[in-house]
PDB file of all heavy atoms in Angstrom:
ATOM      1  N   LEU A   1     -14.479  -8.249   1.349  1.00  0.00           N
ATOM      2  CA  LEU A   1     -14.460  -9.756   1.355  1.00  0.00           C
ATOM      3  C   LEU A   1     -15.876 -10.299   1.313  1.00  0.00           C
ATOM      4  O   LEU A   1     -16.032 -11.464   0.899  1.00  0.00           O
ATOM      5  CB  LEU A   1     -13.760 -10.221   2.693  1.00  0.00           C
ATOM      6  CG  LEU A   1     -12.307  -9.945   2.907  1.00  0.00           C
ATOM      7  CD1 LEU A   1     -11.836 -10.341   4.229  1.00  0.00           C
ATOM      8  CD2 LEU A   1     -11.464 -10.599   1.773  1.00  0.00           C
ATOM      9  N   LEU A   2     -16.883  -9.522   1.589  1.00  0.00           N
ATOM     10  CA  LEU A   2     -18.247 -10.114   1.751  1.00  0.00           C
ATOM     11  C   LEU A   2     -18.754 -10.840   0.442  1.00  0.00           C
ATOM     12  O   LEU A   2     -19.358 -11.884   0.665  1.00  0.00           O
ATOM     13  CB  LEU A   2     -19.176  -8.927   2.101  1.00  0.00           C
ATOM     14  CG  LEU A   2     -20.629  -9.321   2.447  1.00  0.00           C
ATOM     15  CD1 LEU A   2     -20.654 -10.310   3.560  1.00  0.00           C
ATOM     16  CD2 LEU A   2     -21.532  -8.116   2.711  1.00  0.00           C
ATOM     17  N   PRO A   3     -18.518 -10.244  -0.697  1.00  0.00           N
ATOM     18  CA  PRO A   3     -19.080 -10.976  -1.864  1.00  0.00           C
ATOM     19  C   PRO A   3     -18.388 -12.312  -1.997  1.00  0.00           C
ATOM     20  O   PRO A   3     -19.102 -13.239  -2.445  1.00  0.00           O
ATOM     21  CB  PRO A   3     -18.715 -10.052  -2.999  1.00  0.00           C
ATOM     22  CG  PRO A   3     -18.468  -8.680  -2.486  1.00  0.00           C
ATOM     23  CD  PRO A   3     -17.943  -8.893  -1.079  1.00  0.00           C
ATOM     24  N   ALA A   4     -17.116 -12.454  -1.621  1.00  0.00           N
ATOM     25  CA  ALA A   4     -16.532 -13.761  -1.681  1.00  0.00           C
ATOM     26  C   ALA A   4     -16.933 -14.719  -0.567  1.00  0.00           C
ATOM     27  O   ALA A   4     -17.205 -15.852  -0.799  1.00  0.00           O
ATOM     28  CB  ALA A   4     -14.950 -13.559  -1.595  1.00  0.00           C
ATOM     29  N   ILE A   5     -17.190 -14.071   0.619  1.00  0.00           N
ATOM     30  CA  ILE A   5     -17.595 -14.841   1.719  1.00  0.00           C
ATOM     31  C   ILE A   5     -19.019 -15.523   1.476  1.00  0.00           C
ATOM     32  O   ILE A   5     -19.237 -16.674   1.878  1.00  0.00           O
ATOM     33  CB  ILE A   5     -17.609 -14.053   2.989  1.00  0.00           C
ATOM     34  CG1 ILE A   5     -16.159 -13.745   3.424  1.00  0.00           C
ATOM     35  CG2 ILE A   5     -18.388 -14.722   4.212  1.00  0.00           C
ATOM     36  CD1 ILE A   5     -16.111 -12.755   4.553  1.00  0.00           C
ATOM     37  N   ILE A   6     -19.864 -14.804   0.905  1.00  0.00           N
ATOM     38  CA  ILE A   6     -21.282 -15.275   0.698  1.00  0.00           C
ATOM     39  C   ILE A   6     -21.444 -16.063  -0.601  1.00  0.00           C
ATOM     40  O   ILE A   6     -22.533 -16.467  -0.968  1.00  0.00           O
ATOM     41  CB  ILE A   6     -22.290 -14.152   0.720  1.00  0.00           C
ATOM     42  CG1 ILE A   6     -22.107 -13.144  -0.430  1.00  0.00           C
ATOM     43  CG2 ILE A   6     -22.308 -13.511   2.044  1.00  0.00           C
ATOM     44  CD1 ILE A   6     -23.079 -12.094  -0.495  1.00  0.00           C
ATOM     45  N   SER A   7     -20.260 -16.300  -1.297  1.00  0.00           N
ATOM     46  CA  SER A   7     -20.277 -17.084  -2.508  1.00  0.00           C
ATOM     47  C   SER A   7     -20.028 -18.575  -2.165  1.00  0.00           C
ATOM     48  O   SER A   7     -19.236 -18.882  -1.327  1.00  0.00           O
ATOM     49  CB  SER A   7     -19.230 -16.546  -3.549  1.00  0.00           C
ATOM     50  OG  SER A   7     -19.556 -15.342  -3.995  1.00  0.00           O
ATOM     51  N   ASP A   8     -20.751 -19.412  -2.842  1.00  0.00           N
ATOM     52  CA  ASP A   8     -20.523 -20.905  -2.598  1.00  0.00           C
ATOM     53  C   ASP A   8     -19.453 -21.390  -3.611  1.00  0.00           C
ATOM     54  O   ASP A   8     -19.567 -21.272  -4.841  1.00  0.00           O
ATOM     55  CB  ASP A   8     -21.790 -21.658  -2.885  1.00  0.00           C
ATOM     56  CG  ASP A   8     -21.809 -23.041  -2.409  1.00  0.00           C
ATOM     57  OD1 ASP A   8     -21.476 -23.283  -1.312  1.00  0.00           O
ATOM     58  OD2 ASP A   8     -22.080 -23.982  -3.270  1.00  0.00           O
ATOM     59  N   GLY A   9     -18.373 -21.927  -3.103  1.00  0.00           N
ATOM     60  CA  GLY A   9     -17.269 -22.429  -3.920  1.00  0.00           C
ATOM     61  C   GLY A   9     -15.974 -22.195  -3.281  1.00  0.00           C
ATOM     62  O   GLY A   9     -15.978 -21.633  -2.137  1.00  0.00           O
ATOM     63  N   GLN A  10     -15.034 -22.411  -3.996  1.00  0.00           N
ATOM     64  CA  GLN A  10     -13.620 -22.262  -3.514  1.00  0.00           C
ATOM     65  C   GLN A  10     -13.201 -20.855  -3.320  1.00  0.00           C
ATOM     66  O   GLN A  10     -13.830 -19.930  -3.826  1.00  0.00           O
ATOM     67  CB  GLN A  10     -12.588 -22.951  -4.343  1.00  0.00           C
ATOM     68  CG  GLN A  10     -12.540 -22.290  -5.771  1.00  0.00           C
ATOM     69  CD  GLN A  10     -11.528 -23.018  -6.646  1.00  0.00           C
ATOM     70  OE1 GLN A  10     -10.698 -23.862  -6.263  1.00  0.00           O
ATOM     71  NE2 GLN A  10     -11.478 -22.621  -7.944  1.00  0.00           N
ATOM     72  N   SER A  11     -12.256 -20.559  -2.499  1.00  0.00           N
ATOM     73  CA  SER A  11     -11.788 -19.178  -2.264  1.00  0.00           C
ATOM     74  C   SER A  11     -11.296 -18.573  -3.516  1.00  0.00           C
ATOM     75  O   SER A  11     -10.860 -19.201  -4.445  1.00  0.00           O
ATOM     76  CB  SER A  11     -10.599 -19.186  -1.259  1.00  0.00           C
ATOM     77  OG  SER A  11     -11.037 -19.779  -0.070  1.00  0.00           O
ATOM     78  N   SER A  12     -11.450 -17.294  -3.621  1.00  0.00           N
ATOM     79  CA  SER A  12     -11.202 -16.554  -4.886  1.00  0.00           C
ATOM     80  C   SER A  12     -10.574 -15.180  -4.569  1.00  0.00           C
ATOM     81  O   SER A  12     -11.274 -14.340  -3.990  1.00  0.00           O
ATOM     82  CB  SER A  12     -12.376 -16.388  -5.759  1.00  0.00           C
ATOM     83  OG  SER A  12     -12.213 -15.594  -6.810  1.00  0.00           O
ATOM     84  N   SER A  13      -9.347 -14.988  -4.947  1.00  0.00           N
ATOM     85  CA  SER A  13      -8.738 -13.655  -4.735  1.00  0.00           C
ATOM     86  C   SER A  13      -9.374 -12.577  -5.697  1.00  0.00           C
ATOM     87  O   SER A  13      -9.265 -11.423  -5.519  1.00  0.00           O
ATOM     88  CB  SER A  13      -7.261 -13.719  -5.034  1.00  0.00           C
ATOM     89  OG  SER A  13      -6.987 -14.066  -6.421  1.00  0.00           O
ATOM     90  N   ASN A  14     -10.014 -13.138  -6.765  1.00  0.00           N
ATOM     91  CA  ASN A  14     -10.720 -12.281  -7.729  1.00  0.00           C
ATOM     92  C   ASN A  14     -11.931 -11.650  -7.097  1.00  0.00           C
ATOM     93  O   ASN A  14     -12.114 -10.399  -7.120  1.00  0.00           O
ATOM     94  CB  ASN A  14     -11.027 -13.085  -8.954  1.00  0.00           C
ATOM     95  CG  ASN A  14     -11.609 -12.182 -10.043  1.00  0.00           C
ATOM     96  OD1 ASN A  14     -11.123 -11.123 -10.282  1.00  0.00           O
ATOM     97  ND2 ASN A  14     -12.542 -12.723 -10.791  1.00  0.00           N
ATOM     98  N   ARG A  15     -12.794 -12.512  -6.488  1.00  0.00           N
ATOM     99  CA  ARG A  15     -14.083 -11.946  -5.963  1.00  0.00           C
ATOM    100  C   ARG A  15     -13.833 -11.097  -4.629  1.00  0.00           C
ATOM    101  O   ARG A  15     -14.726 -10.294  -4.287  1.00  0.00           O
ATOM    102  CB  ARG A  15     -15.001 -13.108  -5.520  1.00  0.00           C
ATOM    103  CG  ARG A  15     -15.654 -13.817  -6.653  1.00  0.00           C
ATOM    104  CD  ARG A  15     -16.724 -14.783  -6.228  1.00  0.00           C
ATOM    105  NE  ARG A  15     -16.281 -15.843  -5.400  1.00  0.00           N
ATOM    106  CZ  ARG A  15     -15.924 -17.093  -5.857  1.00  0.00           C
ATOM    107  NH1 ARG A  15     -16.132 -17.303  -7.151  1.00  0.00           N
ATOM    108  NH2 ARG A  15     -15.484 -17.991  -5.142  1.00  0.00           N
ATOM    109  N   SER A  16     -12.678 -11.203  -4.123  1.00  0.00           N
ATOM    110  CA  SER A  16     -12.450 -10.522  -2.840  1.00  0.00           C
ATOM    111  C   SER A  16     -11.490  -9.289  -2.920  1.00  0.00           C
ATOM    112  O   SER A  16     -11.184  -8.706  -1.863  1.00  0.00           O
ATOM    113  CB  SER A  16     -11.787 -11.512  -1.822  1.00  0.00           C
ATOM    114  OG  SER A  16     -10.610 -12.038  -2.363  1.00  0.00           O
ATOM    115  N   ILE A  17     -11.071  -8.890  -4.187  1.00  0.00           N
ATOM    116  CA  ILE A  17     -10.043  -7.885  -4.374  1.00  0.00           C
ATOM    117  C   ILE A  17     -10.501  -6.472  -3.896  1.00  0.00           C
ATOM    118  O   ILE A  17      -9.637  -5.606  -3.567  1.00  0.00           O
ATOM    119  CB  ILE A  17      -9.527  -7.832  -5.849  1.00  0.00           C
ATOM    120  CG1 ILE A  17      -8.181  -7.040  -5.910  1.00  0.00           C
ATOM    121  CG2 ILE A  17     -10.592  -7.232  -6.706  1.00  0.00           C
ATOM    122  CD1 ILE A  17      -7.555  -7.137  -7.220  1.00  0.00           C
ATOM    123  N   LEU A  18     -11.779  -6.254  -3.730  1.00  0.00           N
ATOM    124  CA  LEU A  18     -12.204  -4.911  -3.283  1.00  0.00           C
ATOM    125  C   LEU A  18     -11.920  -4.679  -1.858  1.00  0.00           C
ATOM    126  O   LEU A  18     -12.072  -3.496  -1.309  1.00  0.00           O
ATOM    127  CB  LEU A  18     -13.690  -4.833  -3.610  1.00  0.00           C
ATOM    128  CG  LEU A  18     -14.204  -4.871  -4.956  1.00  0.00           C
ATOM    129  CD1 LEU A  18     -15.730  -4.631  -5.135  1.00  0.00           C
ATOM    130  CD2 LEU A  18     -13.521  -3.830  -5.856  1.00  0.00           C
ATOM    131  N   ALA A  19     -11.386  -5.605  -1.193  1.00  0.00           N
ATOM    132  CA  ALA A  19     -10.956  -5.537   0.242  1.00  0.00           C
ATOM    133  C   ALA A  19      -9.543  -4.867   0.242  1.00  0.00           C
ATOM    134  O   ALA A  19      -9.076  -4.529   1.331  1.00  0.00           O
ATOM    135  CB  ALA A  19     -10.892  -6.886   0.953  1.00  0.00           C
ATOM    136  N   LEU A  20      -8.833  -4.915  -0.876  1.00  0.00           N
ATOM    137  CA  LEU A  20      -7.395  -4.491  -0.913  1.00  0.00           C
ATOM    138  C   LEU A  20      -7.152  -3.057  -0.318  1.00  0.00           C
ATOM    139  O   LEU A  20      -6.319  -2.801   0.454  1.00  0.00           O
ATOM    140  CB  LEU A  20      -6.841  -4.697  -2.287  1.00  0.00           C
ATOM    141  CG  LEU A  20      -5.348  -4.242  -2.455  1.00  0.00           C
ATOM    142  CD1 LEU A  20      -4.390  -4.929  -1.508  1.00  0.00           C
ATOM    143  CD2 LEU A  20      -4.881  -4.564  -3.879  1.00  0.00           C
ATOM    144  N   PRO A  21      -8.023  -2.122  -0.702  1.00  0.00           N
ATOM    145  CA  PRO A  21      -7.755  -0.723  -0.258  1.00  0.00           C
ATOM    146  C   PRO A  21      -7.807  -0.678   1.283  1.00  0.00           C
ATOM    147  O   PRO A  21      -7.176   0.090   1.976  1.00  0.00           O
ATOM    148  CB  PRO A  21      -8.880   0.079  -0.797  1.00  0.00           C
ATOM    149  CG  PRO A  21      -9.222  -0.578  -2.078  1.00  0.00           C
ATOM    150  CD  PRO A  21      -9.001  -2.026  -1.705  1.00  0.00           C
ATOM    151  N   GLY A  22      -8.802  -1.499   1.898  1.00  0.00           N
ATOM    152  CA  GLY A  22      -8.924  -1.499   3.335  1.00  0.00           C
ATOM    153  C   GLY A  22      -7.683  -2.088   3.983  1.00  0.00           C
ATOM    154  O   GLY A  22      -7.219  -1.624   5.043  1.00  0.00           O
ATOM    155  N   PHE A  23      -7.052  -3.136   3.410  1.00  0.00           N
ATOM    156  CA  PHE A  23      -5.847  -3.705   3.938  1.00  0.00           C
ATOM    157  C   PHE A  23      -4.768  -2.632   3.858  1.00  0.00           C
ATOM    158  O   PHE A  23      -3.978  -2.515   4.857  1.00  0.00           O
ATOM    159  CB  PHE A  23      -5.499  -4.909   3.133  1.00  0.00           C
ATOM    160  CG  PHE A  23      -6.109  -6.187   3.500  1.00  0.00           C
ATOM    161  CD1 PHE A  23      -7.090  -6.808   2.678  1.00  0.00           C
ATOM    162  CD2 PHE A  23      -5.804  -6.763   4.809  1.00  0.00           C
ATOM    163  CE1 PHE A  23      -7.719  -7.930   3.146  1.00  0.00           C
ATOM    164  CE2 PHE A  23      -6.480  -7.996   5.250  1.00  0.00           C
ATOM    165  CZ  PHE A  23      -7.443  -8.539   4.384  1.00  0.00           C
ATOM    166  N   ILE A  24      -4.619  -1.960   2.789  1.00  0.00           N
ATOM    167  CA  ILE A  24      -3.544  -0.939   2.674  1.00  0.00           C
ATOM    168  C   ILE A  24      -3.790   0.240   3.638  1.00  0.00           C
ATOM    169  O   ILE A  24      -2.797   0.682   4.268  1.00  0.00           O
ATOM    170  CB  ILE A  24      -3.490  -0.415   1.228  1.00  0.00           C
ATOM    171  CG1 ILE A  24      -2.988  -1.501   0.248  1.00  0.00           C
ATOM    172  CG2 ILE A  24      -2.615   0.864   1.067  1.00  0.00           C
ATOM    173  CD1 ILE A  24      -2.925  -1.134  -1.146  1.00  0.00           C
ATOM    174  N   LEU A  25      -5.022   0.602   3.888  1.00  0.00           N
ATOM    175  CA  LEU A  25      -5.236   1.669   4.814  1.00  0.00           C
ATOM    176  C   LEU A  25      -4.815   1.166   6.177  1.00  0.00           C
ATOM    177  O   LEU A  25      -4.272   1.937   7.004  1.00  0.00           O
ATOM    178  CB  LEU A  25      -6.695   2.092   4.915  1.00  0.00           C
ATOM    179  CG  LEU A  25      -7.184   3.129   5.877  1.00  0.00           C
ATOM    180  CD1 LEU A  25      -6.342   4.380   5.778  1.00  0.00           C
ATOM    181  CD2 LEU A  25      -8.612   3.374   5.743  1.00  0.00           C
TER     182      LEU A  25
END
């Protein structure tokens, strides 16, 4: 989620998708 959190702008499921494996684990 970090790249999305430190980005300025609206929320983005694109910038945050690398968190998905952690959620599945």
